[in-house]
Structure formats: C-alpha cells, structure tokens
Amino acid sequence: MKLRPYNIPTAEWRKFVKLKTSQEFKQKANEFIQSDTLLSSFSNPKEDCLAQILGPDNHGRLRAMGHGMSMSKLACFQVKSKYVTEMQQAQVQLQQQVHELQETLAKIIAT
C-alpha cells in the first residue's frame, strides 16, 4: 500500500495488487521470462512480453515508449535506425579504403 500512487483509489489499488501478485500472473510472467519471446519480440511491441503479460495497450498508444508514441512513429524510427546503422558501416569501410590509399600513395612517393 505504501507504493500506491496518490491518484489511484485504495480499492482499485488493492484489486491491482491482488491481480498482479496472484499465482496465475506469476506463473505467466515466469513462462515469458524463460521463453525465447523475450529476445524475439523487440521488433513488435504488440507481441512483446509486456503486452502478453499485461494485456493489449490502449488504442493508439504503446506501453513504455513515452508520450505520443504510436506504431507508425515506431516504424519510422526503426527504419531510420536501420539506415543510420547501414550508413555508419559504409562510413567505416570508406575510411578504411581512404587509409589504405593514403598508405599506398605514401609508399609510391617514398620510392
């Protein structure tokens, strides 16, 4: 009861605590923690462990993603992240090529 937020009525908080401390909930949580869904569900928040344990999110919202996040925004961020990663890898390869060319040029000039 000490953890009850001030804006939650006592009766509602007791129901919540009773539900989340039940054996059924604990067993369900343990199954998900031990399964492979923990690793495979990061790309789809509708099927991740949190959604499977706590139930579906409210329409238009994503749990634990902050204010204003939606599935379409998440998809855009994932695509952006993918392209940024690809560009970083390409940049590293180009830097290696430039370094190799500089070494080759230095050897040619030295001879």
PDB file of N, CA and C in Angstrom:
ATOM      1  N   MET A   1       0.817  -1.198   0.000  1.00  0.00           N
ATOM      2  CA  MET A   1       0.000   0.000   0.000  1.00  0.00           C
ATOM      3  C   MET A   1       0.858   1.258   0.000  1.00  0.00           C
ATOM      4  N   LYS A   2       2.097   1.133   0.482  1.00  0.00           N
ATOM      5  CA  LYS A   2       2.967   2.306   0.520  1.00  0.00           C
ATOM      6  C   LYS A   2       3.320   2.792  -0.880  1.00  0.00           C
ATOM      7  N   LEU A   3       3.244   1.910  -1.872  1.00  0.00           N
ATOM      8  CA  LEU A   3       3.608   2.273  -3.239  1.00  0.00           C
ATOM      9  C   LEU A   3       2.432   2.823  -4.047  1.00  0.00           C
ATOM     10  N   ARG A   4       1.256   2.906  -3.456  1.00  0.00           N
ATOM     11  CA  ARG A   4       0.056   3.366  -4.162  1.00  0.00           C
ATOM     12  C   ARG A   4       0.223   4.822  -4.585  1.00  0.00           C
ATOM     13  N   PRO A   5       0.044   5.105  -5.887  1.00  0.00           N
ATOM     14  CA  PRO A   5       0.070   6.495  -6.340  1.00  0.00           C
ATOM     15  C   PRO A   5      -1.092   7.276  -5.730  1.00  0.00           C
ATOM     16  N   TYR A   6      -0.893   8.532  -5.488  1.00  0.00           N
ATOM     17  CA  TYR A   6      -1.897   9.350  -4.809  1.00  0.00           C
ATOM     18  C   TYR A   6      -3.201   9.467  -5.595  1.00  0.00           C
ATOM     19  N   ASN A   7      -3.144   9.318  -6.924  1.00  0.00           N
ATOM     20  CA  ASN A   7      -4.347   9.498  -7.736  1.00  0.00           C
ATOM     21  C   ASN A   7      -5.113   8.197  -7.995  1.00  0.00           C
ATOM     22  N   ILE A   8      -4.693   7.090  -7.370  1.00  0.00           N
ATOM     23  CA  ILE A   8      -5.378   5.808  -7.518  1.00  0.00           C
ATOM     24  C   ILE A   8      -6.164   5.520  -6.242  1.00  0.00           C
ATOM     25  N   PRO A   9      -7.468   5.259  -6.364  1.00  0.00           N
ATOM     26  CA  PRO A   9      -8.254   4.937  -5.170  1.00  0.00           C
ATOM     27  C   PRO A   9      -7.751   3.659  -4.495  1.00  0.00           C
ATOM     28  N   THR A  10      -7.881   3.592  -3.193  1.00  0.00           N
ATOM     29  CA  THR A  10      -7.385   2.459  -2.412  1.00  0.00           C
ATOM     30  C   THR A  10      -7.986   1.141  -2.885  1.00  0.00           C
ATOM     31  N   ALA A  11      -9.276   1.123  -3.154  1.00  0.00           N
ATOM     32  CA  ALA A  11      -9.932  -0.119  -3.591  1.00  0.00           C
ATOM     33  C   ALA A  11      -9.368  -0.602  -4.928  1.00  0.00           C
ATOM     34  N   GLU A  12      -9.165   0.322  -5.862  1.00  0.00           N
ATOM     35  CA  GLU A  12      -8.599  -0.046  -7.167  1.00  0.00           C
ATOM     36  C   GLU A  12      -7.169  -0.557  -7.019  1.00  0.00           C
ATOM     37  N   TRP A  13      -6.409   0.077  -6.160  1.00  0.00           N
ATOM     38  CA  TRP A  13      -5.021  -0.337  -5.941  1.00  0.00           C
ATOM     39  C   TRP A  13      -4.975  -1.751  -5.361  1.00  0.00           C
ATOM     40  N   ARG A  14      -5.862  -2.052  -4.426  1.00  0.00           N
ATOM     41  CA  ARG A  14      -5.898  -3.400  -3.828  1.00  0.00           C
ATOM     42  C   ARG A  14      -6.228  -4.454  -4.884  1.00  0.00           C
ATOM     43  N   LYS A  15      -7.185  -4.137  -5.776  1.00  0.00           N
ATOM     44  CA  LYS A  15      -7.518  -5.068  -6.862  1.00  0.00           C
ATOM     45  C   LYS A  15      -6.305  -5.308  -7.762  1.00  0.00           C
ATOM     46  N   PHE A  16      -5.624  -4.216  -8.084  1.00  0.00           N
ATOM     47  CA  PHE A  16      -4.443  -4.313  -8.947  1.00  0.00           C
ATOM     48  C   PHE A  16      -3.359  -5.175  -8.301  1.00  0.00           C
ATOM     49  N   VAL A  17      -3.072  -4.904  -7.035  1.00  0.00           N
ATOM     50  CA  VAL A  17      -2.033  -5.663  -6.328  1.00  0.00           C
ATOM     51  C   VAL A  17      -2.425  -7.130  -6.226  1.00  0.00           C
ATOM     52  N   LYS A  18      -3.692  -7.392  -5.926  1.00  0.00           N
ATOM     53  CA  LYS A  18      -4.160  -8.776  -5.805  1.00  0.00           C
ATOM     54  C   LYS A  18      -3.997  -9.513  -7.135  1.00  0.00           C
ATOM     55  N   LEU A  19      -4.356  -8.847  -8.230  1.00  0.00           N
ATOM     56  CA  LEU A  19      -4.234  -9.451  -9.550  1.00  0.00           C
ATOM     57  C   LEU A  19      -2.769  -9.725  -9.908  1.00  0.00           C
ATOM     58  N   LYS A  20      -1.905  -8.746  -9.688  1.00  0.00           N
ATOM     59  CA  LYS A  20      -0.510  -8.870 -10.109  1.00  0.00           C
ATOM     60  C   LYS A  20       0.328  -9.746  -9.179  1.00  0.00           C
ATOM     61  N   THR A  21      -0.166 -10.050  -7.999  1.00  0.00           N
ATOM     62  CA  THR A  21       0.571 -10.937  -7.096  1.00  0.00           C
ATOM     63  C   THR A  21      -0.036 -12.329  -7.045  1.00  0.00           C
ATOM     64  N   SER A  22      -1.013 -12.585  -7.912  1.00  0.00           N
ATOM     65  CA  SER A  22      -1.641 -13.904  -7.939  1.00  0.00           C
ATOM     66  C   SER A  22      -0.675 -14.945  -8.514  1.00  0.00           C
ATOM     67  N   GLN A  23      -0.910 -16.192  -8.171  1.00  0.00           N
ATOM     68  CA  GLN A  23      -0.064 -17.287  -8.668  1.00  0.00           C
ATOM     69  C   GLN A  23      -0.150 -17.375 -10.188  1.00  0.00           C
ATOM     70  N   GLU A  24      -1.354 -17.176 -10.734  1.00  0.00           N
ATOM     71  CA  GLU A  24      -1.528 -17.252 -12.190  1.00  0.00           C
ATOM     72  C   GLU A  24      -0.663 -16.223 -12.908  1.00  0.00           C
ATOM     73  N   PHE A  25      -0.651 -14.990 -12.404  1.00  0.00           N
ATOM     74  CA  PHE A  25       0.150 -13.933 -13.005  1.00  0.00           C
ATOM     75  C   PHE A  25       1.640 -14.242 -12.887  1.00  0.00           C
ATOM     76  N   LYS A  26       2.063 -14.705 -11.719  1.00  0.00           N
ATOM     77  CA  LYS A  26       3.478 -15.020 -11.516  1.00  0.00           C
ATOM     78  C   LYS A  26       3.918 -16.154 -12.440  1.00  0.00           C
ATOM     79  N   GLN A  27       3.063 -17.169 -12.597  1.00  0.00           N
ATOM     80  CA  GLN A  27       3.396 -18.294 -13.468  1.00  0.00           C
ATOM     81  C   GLN A  27       3.494 -17.826 -14.916  1.00  0.00           C
ATOM     82  N   LYS A  28       2.535 -16.992 -15.327  1.00  0.00           N
ATOM     83  CA  LYS A  28       2.545 -16.467 -16.689  1.00  0.00           C
ATOM     84  C   LYS A  28       3.809 -15.640 -16.932  1.00  0.00           C
ATOM     85  N   ALA A  29       4.177 -14.801 -15.975  1.00  0.00           N
ATOM     86  CA  ALA A  29       5.386 -13.976 -16.112  1.00  0.00           C
ATOM     87  C   ALA A  29       6.623 -14.840 -16.198  1.00  0.00           C
ATOM     88  N   ASN A  30       6.724 -15.866 -15.388  1.00  0.00           N
ATOM     89  CA  ASN A  30       7.890 -16.758 -15.418  1.00  0.00           C
ATOM     90  C   ASN A  30       8.003 -17.496 -16.744  1.00  0.00           C
ATOM     91  N   GLU A  31       6.866 -17.903 -17.314  1.00  0.00           N
ATOM     92  CA  GLU A  31       6.885 -18.584 -18.611  1.00  0.00           C
ATOM     93  C   GLU A  31       7.484 -17.679 -19.688  1.00  0.00           C
ATOM     94  N   PHE A  32       7.091 -16.412 -19.677  1.00  0.00           N
ATOM     95  CA  PHE A  32       7.601 -15.497 -20.685  1.00  0.00           C
ATOM     96  C   PHE A  32       9.068 -15.172 -20.475  1.00  0.00           C
ATOM     97  N   ILE A  33       9.480 -15.055 -19.249  1.00  0.00           N
ATOM     98  CA  ILE A  33      10.878 -14.746 -18.962  1.00  0.00           C
ATOM     99  C   ILE A  33      11.777 -15.886 -19.415  1.00  0.00           C
ATOM    100  N   GLN A  34      11.321 -17.103 -19.244  1.00  0.00           N
ATOM    101  CA  GLN A  34      12.136 -18.267 -19.593  1.00  0.00           C
ATOM    102  C   GLN A  34      12.052 -18.626 -21.065  1.00  0.00           C
ATOM    103  N   SER A  35      11.072 -18.083 -21.779  1.00  0.00           N
ATOM    104  CA  SER A  35      10.896 -18.437 -23.185  1.00  0.00           C
ATOM    105  C   SER A  35      11.763 -17.555 -24.078  1.00  0.00           C
ATOM    106  N   ASP A  36      11.763 -17.897 -25.352  1.00  0.00           N
ATOM    107  CA  ASP A  36      12.528 -17.130 -26.338  1.00  0.00           C
ATOM    108  C   ASP A  36      11.815 -15.862 -26.774  1.00  0.00           C
ATOM    109  N   THR A  37      10.562 -15.666 -26.349  1.00  0.00           N
ATOM    110  CA  THR A  37       9.832 -14.474 -26.790  1.00  0.00           C
ATOM    111  C   THR A  37      10.485 -13.209 -26.280  1.00  0.00           C
ATOM    112  N   LEU A  38      11.243 -13.303 -25.215  1.00  0.00           N
ATOM    113  CA  LEU A  38      11.910 -12.121 -24.673  1.00  0.00           C
ATOM    114  C   LEU A  38      12.865 -11.528 -25.699  1.00  0.00           C
ATOM    115  N   LEU A  39      13.588 -12.366 -26.404  1.00  0.00           N
ATOM    116  CA  LEU A  39      14.563 -11.875 -27.382  1.00  0.00           C
ATOM    117  C   LEU A  39      13.943 -11.593 -28.738  1.00  0.00           C
ATOM    118  N   SER A  40      12.918 -12.351 -29.112  1.00  0.00           N
ATOM    119  CA  SER A  40      12.385 -12.240 -30.465  1.00  0.00           C
ATOM    120  C   SER A  40      11.303 -11.190 -30.610  1.00  0.00           C
ATOM    121  N   SER A  41      10.885 -10.541 -29.536  1.00  0.00           N
ATOM    122  CA  SER A  41       9.736  -9.650 -29.625  1.00  0.00           C
ATOM    123  C   SER A  41      10.088  -8.169 -29.587  1.00  0.00           C
ATOM    124  N   PHE A  42      11.360  -7.811 -29.634  1.00  0.00           N
ATOM    125  CA  PHE A  42      11.717  -6.405 -29.549  1.00  0.00           C
ATOM    126  C   PHE A  42      11.229  -5.618 -30.754  1.00  0.00           C
ATOM    127  N   SER A  43      11.100  -6.242 -31.908  1.00  0.00           N
ATOM    128  CA  SER A  43      10.691  -5.514 -33.099  1.00  0.00           C
ATOM    129  C   SER A  43       9.182  -5.330 -33.195  1.00  0.00           C
ATOM    130  N   ASN A  44       8.401  -6.092 -32.442  1.00  0.00           N
ATOM    131  CA  ASN A  44       6.947  -5.959 -32.492  1.00  0.00           C
ATOM    132  C   ASN A  44       6.396  -5.765 -31.092  1.00  0.00           C
ATOM    133  N   PRO A  45       6.145  -4.517 -30.691  1.00  0.00           N
ATOM    134  CA  PRO A  45       5.696  -4.260 -29.325  1.00  0.00           C
ATOM    135  C   PRO A  45       4.311  -4.809 -29.010  1.00  0.00           C
ATOM    136  N   LYS A  46       3.510  -5.127 -30.031  1.00  0.00           N
ATOM    137  CA  LYS A  46       2.191  -5.699 -29.765  1.00  0.00           C
ATOM    138  C   LYS A  46       2.282  -7.146 -29.304  1.00  0.00           C
ATOM    139  N   GLU A  47       3.421  -7.787 -29.558  1.00  0.00           N
ATOM    140  CA  GLU A  47       3.583  -9.182 -29.175  1.00  0.00           C
ATOM    141  C   GLU A  47       4.721  -9.380 -28.176  1.00  0.00           C
ATOM    142  N   ASP A  48       5.222  -8.307 -27.582  1.00  0.00           N
ATOM    143  CA  ASP A  48       6.329  -8.464 -26.652  1.00  0.00           C
ATOM    144  C   ASP A  48       5.845  -9.017 -25.313  1.00  0.00           C
ATOM    145  N   CYS A  49       6.780  -9.318 -24.439  1.00  0.00           N
ATOM    146  CA  CYS A  49       6.465  -9.930 -23.150  1.00  0.00           C
ATOM    147  C   CYS A  49       5.529  -9.065 -22.329  1.00  0.00           C
ATOM    148  N   LEU A  50       5.779  -7.785 -22.302  1.00  0.00           N
ATOM    149  CA  LEU A  50       4.965  -6.879 -21.503  1.00  0.00           C
ATOM    150  C   LEU A  50       3.516  -6.881 -21.975  1.00  0.00           C
ATOM    151  N   ALA A  51       3.306  -6.857 -23.275  1.00  0.00           N
ATOM    152  CA  ALA A  51       1.942  -6.879 -23.817  1.00  0.00           C
ATOM    153  C   ALA A  51       1.270  -8.214 -23.538  1.00  0.00           C
ATOM    154  N   GLN A  52       2.009  -9.299 -23.589  1.00  0.00           N
ATOM    155  CA  GLN A  52       1.415 -10.598 -23.339  1.00  0.00           C
ATOM    156  C   GLN A  52       1.086 -10.803 -21.871  1.00  0.00           C
ATOM    157  N   ILE A  53       1.861 -10.203 -21.000  1.00  0.00           N
ATOM    158  CA  ILE A  53       1.602 -10.350 -19.564  1.00  0.00           C
ATOM    159  C   ILE A  53       0.507  -9.393 -19.110  1.00  0.00           C
ATOM    160  N   LEU A  54       0.613  -8.126 -19.506  1.00  0.00           N
ATOM    161  CA  LEU A  54      -0.318  -7.106 -19.018  1.00  0.00           C
ATOM    162  C   LEU A  54      -1.533  -6.907 -19.913  1.00  0.00           C
ATOM    163  N   GLY A  55      -1.533  -7.519 -21.080  1.00  0.00           N
ATOM    164  CA  GLY A  55      -2.650  -7.351 -21.992  1.00  0.00           C
ATOM    165  C   GLY A  55      -2.352  -6.281 -23.021  1.00  0.00           C
ATOM    166  N   PRO A  56      -3.260  -6.121 -23.991  1.00  0.00           N
ATOM    167  CA  PRO A  56      -3.005  -5.159 -25.065  1.00  0.00           C
ATOM    168  C   PRO A  56      -3.030  -3.722 -24.574  1.00  0.00           C
ATOM    169  N   ASP A  57      -2.341  -2.868 -25.310  1.00  0.00           N
ATOM    170  CA  ASP A  57      -2.315  -1.435 -24.995  1.00  0.00           C
ATOM    171  C   ASP A  57      -3.641  -0.806 -25.398  1.00  0.00           C
ATOM    172  N   ASN A  58      -3.864   0.392 -24.889  1.00  0.00           N
ATOM    173  CA  ASN A  58      -4.997   1.178 -25.350  1.00  0.00           C
ATOM    174  C   ASN A  58      -4.764   1.568 -26.795  1.00  0.00           C
ATOM    175  N   HIS A  59      -5.846   1.786 -27.530  1.00  0.00           N
ATOM    176  CA  HIS A  59      -5.746   2.127 -28.949  1.00  0.00           C
ATOM    177  C   HIS A  59      -4.907   3.389 -29.147  1.00  0.00           C
ATOM    178  N   GLY A  60      -3.953   3.320 -30.061  1.00  0.00           N
ATOM    179  CA  GLY A  60      -3.136   4.478 -30.391  1.00  0.00           C
ATOM    180  C   GLY A  60      -1.982   4.734 -29.447  1.00  0.00           C
ATOM    181  N   ARG A  61      -1.719   3.828 -28.509  1.00  0.00           N
ATOM    182  CA  ARG A  61      -0.642   4.029 -27.546  1.00  0.00           C
ATOM    183  C   ARG A  61       0.278   2.814 -27.526  1.00  0.00           C
ATOM    184  N   LEU A  62       1.508   3.069 -27.137  1.00  0.00           N
ATOM    185  CA  LEU A  62       2.469   1.985 -26.958  1.00  0.00           C
ATOM    186  C   LEU A  62       3.032   2.059 -25.547  1.00  0.00           C
ATOM    187  N   ARG A  63       2.890   0.989 -24.823  1.00  0.00           N
ATOM    188  CA  ARG A  63       3.346   0.942 -23.437  1.00  0.00           C
ATOM    189  C   ARG A  63       4.870   1.071 -23.380  1.00  0.00           C
ATOM    190  N   ALA A  64       5.333   1.853 -22.433  1.00  0.00           N
ATOM    191  CA  ALA A  64       6.760   2.033 -22.138  1.00  0.00           C
ATOM    192  C   ALA A  64       7.533   2.717 -23.259  1.00  0.00           C
ATOM    193  N   MET A  65       6.846   3.426 -24.133  1.00  0.00           N
ATOM    194  CA  MET A  65       7.514   4.113 -25.233  1.00  0.00           C
ATOM    195  C   MET A  65       7.460   5.629 -25.090  1.00  0.00           C
ATOM    196  N   GLY A  66       6.871   6.119 -24.025  1.00  0.00           N
ATOM    197  CA  GLY A  66       6.812   7.550 -23.826  1.00  0.00           C
ATOM    198  C   GLY A  66       5.572   8.174 -24.428  1.00  0.00           C
ATOM    199  N   HIS A  67       5.385   9.444 -24.130  1.00  0.00           N
ATOM    200  CA  HIS A  67       4.193  10.180 -24.561  1.00  0.00           C
ATOM    201  C   HIS A  67       4.211  10.410 -26.071  1.00  0.00           C
ATOM    202  N   GLY A  68       3.098  10.143 -26.718  1.00  0.00           N
ATOM    203  CA  GLY A  68       2.953  10.460 -28.133  1.00  0.00           C
ATOM    204  C   GLY A  68       3.497   9.423 -29.096  1.00  0.00           C
ATOM    205  N   MET A  69       3.948   8.286 -28.609  1.00  0.00           N
ATOM    206  CA  MET A  69       4.492   7.263 -29.498  1.00  0.00           C
ATOM    207  C   MET A  69       3.356   6.395 -30.033  1.00  0.00           C
ATOM    208  N   SER A  70       3.392   6.125 -31.327  1.00  0.00           N
ATOM    209  CA  SER A  70       2.412   5.253 -31.963  1.00  0.00           C
ATOM    210  C   SER A  70       3.152   4.207 -32.779  1.00  0.00           C
ATOM    211  N   MET A  71       2.413   3.241 -33.295  1.00  0.00           N
ATOM    212  CA  MET A  71       3.046   2.192 -34.092  1.00  0.00           C
ATOM    213  C   MET A  71       3.692   2.768 -35.348  1.00  0.00           C
ATOM    214  N   SER A  72       3.038   3.749 -35.978  1.00  0.00           N
ATOM    215  CA  SER A  72       3.611   4.321 -37.194  1.00  0.00           C
ATOM    216  C   SER A  72       4.895   5.095 -36.891  1.00  0.00           C
ATOM    217  N   LYS A  73       4.921   5.823 -35.773  1.00  0.00           N
ATOM    218  CA  LYS A  73       6.141   6.538 -35.393  1.00  0.00           C
ATOM    219  C   LYS A  73       7.256   5.552 -35.053  1.00  0.00           C
ATOM    220  N   LEU A  74       6.907   4.473 -34.363  1.00  0.00           N
ATOM    221  CA  LEU A  74       7.907   3.462 -34.031  1.00  0.00           C
ATOM    222  C   LEU A  74       8.486   2.847 -35.299  1.00  0.00           C
ATOM    223  N   ALA A  75       7.628   2.568 -36.274  1.00  0.00           N
ATOM    224  CA  ALA A  75       8.096   2.001 -37.542  1.00  0.00           C
ATOM    225  C   ALA A  75       9.064   2.958 -38.233  1.00  0.00           C
ATOM    226  N   CYS A  76       8.750   4.252 -38.204  1.00  0.00           N
ATOM    227  CA  CYS A  76       9.652   5.252 -38.808  1.00  0.00           C
ATOM    228  C   CYS A  76      10.996   5.279 -38.095  1.00  0.00           C
ATOM    229  N   PHE A  77      10.975   5.226 -36.760  1.00  0.00           N
ATOM    230  CA  PHE A  77      12.221   5.224 -36.002  1.00  0.00           C
ATOM    231  C   PHE A  77      13.047   3.971 -36.288  1.00  0.00           C
ATOM    232  N   GLN A  78      12.370   2.825 -36.444  1.00  0.00           N
ATOM    233  CA  GLN A  78      13.096   1.589 -36.737  1.00  0.00           C
ATOM    234  C   GLN A  78      13.747   1.648 -38.108  1.00  0.00           C
ATOM    235  N   VAL A  79      13.032   2.183 -39.096  1.00  0.00           N
ATOM    236  CA  VAL A  79      13.603   2.316 -40.443  1.00  0.00           C
ATOM    237  C   VAL A  79      14.776   3.291 -40.412  1.00  0.00           C
ATOM    238  N   LYS A  80      14.586   4.415 -39.713  1.00  0.00           N
ATOM    239  CA  LYS A  80      15.652   5.408 -39.607  1.00  0.00           C
ATOM    240  C   LYS A  80      16.879   4.796 -38.939  1.00  0.00           C
ATOM    241  N   SER A  81      16.664   4.043 -37.876  1.00  0.00           N
ATOM    242  CA  SER A  81      17.770   3.411 -37.169  1.00  0.00           C
ATOM    243  C   SER A  81      18.503   2.426 -38.075  1.00  0.00           C
ATOM    244  N   LYS A  82      17.752   1.689 -38.874  1.00  0.00           N
ATOM    245  CA  LYS A  82      18.357   0.727 -39.802  1.00  0.00           C
ATOM    246  C   LYS A  82      19.257   1.443 -40.810  1.00  0.00           C
ATOM    247  N   TYR A  83      18.759   2.540 -41.387  1.00  0.00           N
ATOM    248  CA  TYR A  83      19.548   3.275 -42.369  1.00  0.00           C
ATOM    249  C   TYR A  83      20.764   3.953 -41.747  1.00  0.00           C
ATOM    250  N   VAL A  84      20.620   4.461 -40.545  1.00  0.00           N
ATOM    251  CA  VAL A  84      21.756   5.079 -39.857  1.00  0.00           C
ATOM    252  C   VAL A  84      22.842   4.031 -39.613  1.00  0.00           C
ATOM    253  N   THR A  85      22.439   2.843 -39.190  1.00  0.00           N
ATOM    254  CA  THR A  85      23.409   1.768 -38.965  1.00  0.00           C
ATOM    255  C   THR A  85      24.122   1.393 -40.255  1.00  0.00           C
ATOM    256  N   GLU A  86      23.368   1.299 -41.347  1.00  0.00           N
ATOM    257  CA  GLU A  86      23.976   0.971 -42.635  1.00  0.00           C
ATOM    258  C   GLU A  86      24.951   2.063 -43.076  1.00  0.00           C
ATOM    259  N   MET A  87      24.586   3.324 -42.880  1.00  0.00           N
ATOM    260  CA  MET A  87      25.474   4.430 -43.260  1.00  0.00           C
ATOM    261  C   MET A  87      26.732   4.438 -42.409  1.00  0.00           C
ATOM    262  N   GLN A  88      26.611   4.124 -41.130  1.00  0.00           N
ATOM    263  CA  GLN A  88      27.792   4.075 -40.267  1.00  0.00           C
ATOM    264  C   GLN A  88      28.742   2.976 -40.711  1.00  0.00           C
ATOM    265  N   GLN A  89      28.183   1.824 -41.093  1.00  0.00           N
ATOM    266  CA  GLN A  89      29.031   0.735 -41.578  1.00  0.00           C
ATOM    267  C   GLN A  89      29.721   1.126 -42.881  1.00  0.00           C
ATOM    268  N   ALA A  90      28.996   1.775 -43.777  1.00  0.00           N
ATOM    269  CA  ALA A  90      29.593   2.227 -45.034  1.00  0.00           C
ATOM    270  C   ALA A  90      30.684   3.257 -44.778  1.00  0.00           C
ATOM    271  N   GLN A  91      30.475   4.139 -43.807  1.00  0.00           N
ATOM    272  CA  GLN A  91      31.473   5.149 -43.477  1.00  0.00           C
ATOM    273  C   GLN A  91      32.756   4.499 -42.969  1.00  0.00           C
ATOM    274  N   VAL A  92      32.630   3.482 -42.134  1.00  0.00           N
ATOM    275  CA  VAL A  92      33.815   2.783 -41.620  1.00  0.00           C
ATOM    276  C   VAL A  92      34.580   2.143 -42.769  1.00  0.00           C
ATOM    277  N   GLN A  93      33.855   1.518 -43.706  1.00  0.00           N
ATOM    278  CA  GLN A  93      34.518   0.887 -44.854  1.00  0.00           C
ATOM    279  C   GLN A  93      35.227   1.930 -45.715  1.00  0.00           C
ATOM    280  N   LEU A  94      34.581   3.064 -45.945  1.00  0.00           N
ATOM    281  CA  LEU A  94      35.200   4.121 -46.747  1.00  0.00           C
ATOM    282  C   LEU A  94      36.435   4.701 -46.063  1.00  0.00           C
ATOM    283  N   GLN A  95      36.391   4.848 -44.746  1.00  0.00           N
ATOM    284  CA  GLN A  95      37.547   5.341 -44.012  1.00  0.00           C
ATOM    285  C   GLN A  95      38.715   4.362 -44.124  1.00  0.00           C
ATOM    286  N   GLN A  96      38.406   3.064 -44.091  1.00  0.00           N
ATOM    287  CA  GLN A  96      39.464   2.062 -44.249  1.00  0.00           C
ATOM    288  C   GLN A  96      40.081   2.141 -45.642  1.00  0.00           C
ATOM    289  N   GLN A  97      39.244   2.318 -46.653  1.00  0.00           N
ATOM    290  CA  GLN A  97      39.751   2.431 -48.013  1.00  0.00           C
ATOM    291  C   GLN A  97      40.624   3.674 -48.180  1.00  0.00           C
ATOM    292  N   VAL A  98      40.202   4.791 -47.615  1.00  0.00           N
ATOM    293  CA  VAL A  98      40.992   6.014 -47.692  1.00  0.00           C
ATOM    294  C   VAL A  98      42.335   5.811 -47.004  1.00  0.00           C
ATOM    295  N   HIS A  99      42.327   5.176 -45.856  1.00  0.00           N
ATOM    296  CA  HIS A  99      43.571   4.921 -45.130  1.00  0.00           C
ATOM    297  C   HIS A  99      44.502   4.027 -45.956  1.00  0.00           C
ATOM    298  N   GLU A 100      43.972   2.993 -46.578  1.00  0.00           N
ATOM    299  CA  GLU A 100      44.787   2.107 -47.422  1.00  0.00           C
ATOM    300  C   GLU A 100      45.362   2.868 -48.622  1.00  0.00           C
ATOM    301  N   LEU A 101      44.535   3.727 -49.238  1.00  0.00           N
ATOM    302  CA  LEU A 101      45.021   4.510 -50.374  1.00  0.00           C
ATOM    303  C   LEU A 101      46.103   5.502 -49.956  1.00  0.00           C
ATOM    304  N   GLN A 102      45.956   6.101 -48.773  1.00  0.00           N
ATOM    305  CA  GLN A 102      46.984   7.017 -48.280  1.00  0.00           C
ATOM    306  C   GLN A 102      48.291   6.272 -48.040  1.00  0.00           C
ATOM    307  N   GLU A 103      48.219   5.077 -47.486  1.00  0.00           N
ATOM    308  CA  GLU A 103      49.439   4.284 -47.268  1.00  0.00           C
ATOM    309  C   GLU A 103      50.090   3.913 -48.593  1.00  0.00           C
ATOM    310  N   THR A 104      49.267   3.523 -49.569  1.00  0.00           N
ATOM    311  CA  THR A 104      49.802   3.159 -50.896  1.00  0.00           C
ATOM    312  C   THR A 104      50.456   4.390 -51.545  1.00  0.00           C
ATOM    313  N   LEU A 105      49.819   5.516 -51.463  1.00  0.00           N
ATOM    314  CA  LEU A 105      50.368   6.746 -52.027  1.00  0.00           C
ATOM    315  C   LEU A 105      51.668   7.122 -51.356  1.00  0.00           C
ATOM    316  N   ALA A 106      51.727   6.976 -50.027  1.00  0.00           N
ATOM    317  CA  ALA A 106      52.962   7.288 -49.308  1.00  0.00           C
ATOM    318  C   ALA A 106      54.093   6.368 -49.743  1.00  0.00           C
ATOM    319  N   LYS A 107      53.815   5.105 -50.003  1.00  0.00           N
ATOM    320  CA  LYS A 107      54.851   4.159 -50.465  1.00  0.00           C
ATOM    321  C   LYS A 107      55.331   4.517 -51.861  1.00  0.00           C
ATOM    322  N   ILE A 108      54.400   4.955 -52.720  1.00  0.00           N
ATOM    323  CA  ILE A 108      54.765   5.319 -54.100  1.00  0.00           C
ATOM    324  C   ILE A 108      55.648   6.582 -54.076  1.00  0.00           C
ATOM    325  N   ILE A 109      55.293   7.543 -53.256  1.00  0.00           N
ATOM    326  CA  ILE A 109      56.057   8.783 -53.173  1.00  0.00           C
ATOM    327  C   ILE A 109      57.449   8.507 -52.608  1.00  0.00           C
ATOM    328  N   ALA A 110      57.540   7.600 -51.646  1.00  0.00           N
ATOM    329  CA  ALA A 110      58.821   7.294 -50.985  1.00  0.00           C
ATOM    330  C   ALA A 110      59.786   6.585 -51.942  1.00  0.00           C
ATOM    331  N   THR A 111      59.307   5.904 -52.942  1.00  0.00           N
ATOM    332  CA  THR A 111      60.222   5.176 -53.831  1.00  0.00           C
ATOM    333  C   THR A 111      60.705   5.960 -55.007  1.00  0.00           C
TER     334      THR A 111
END
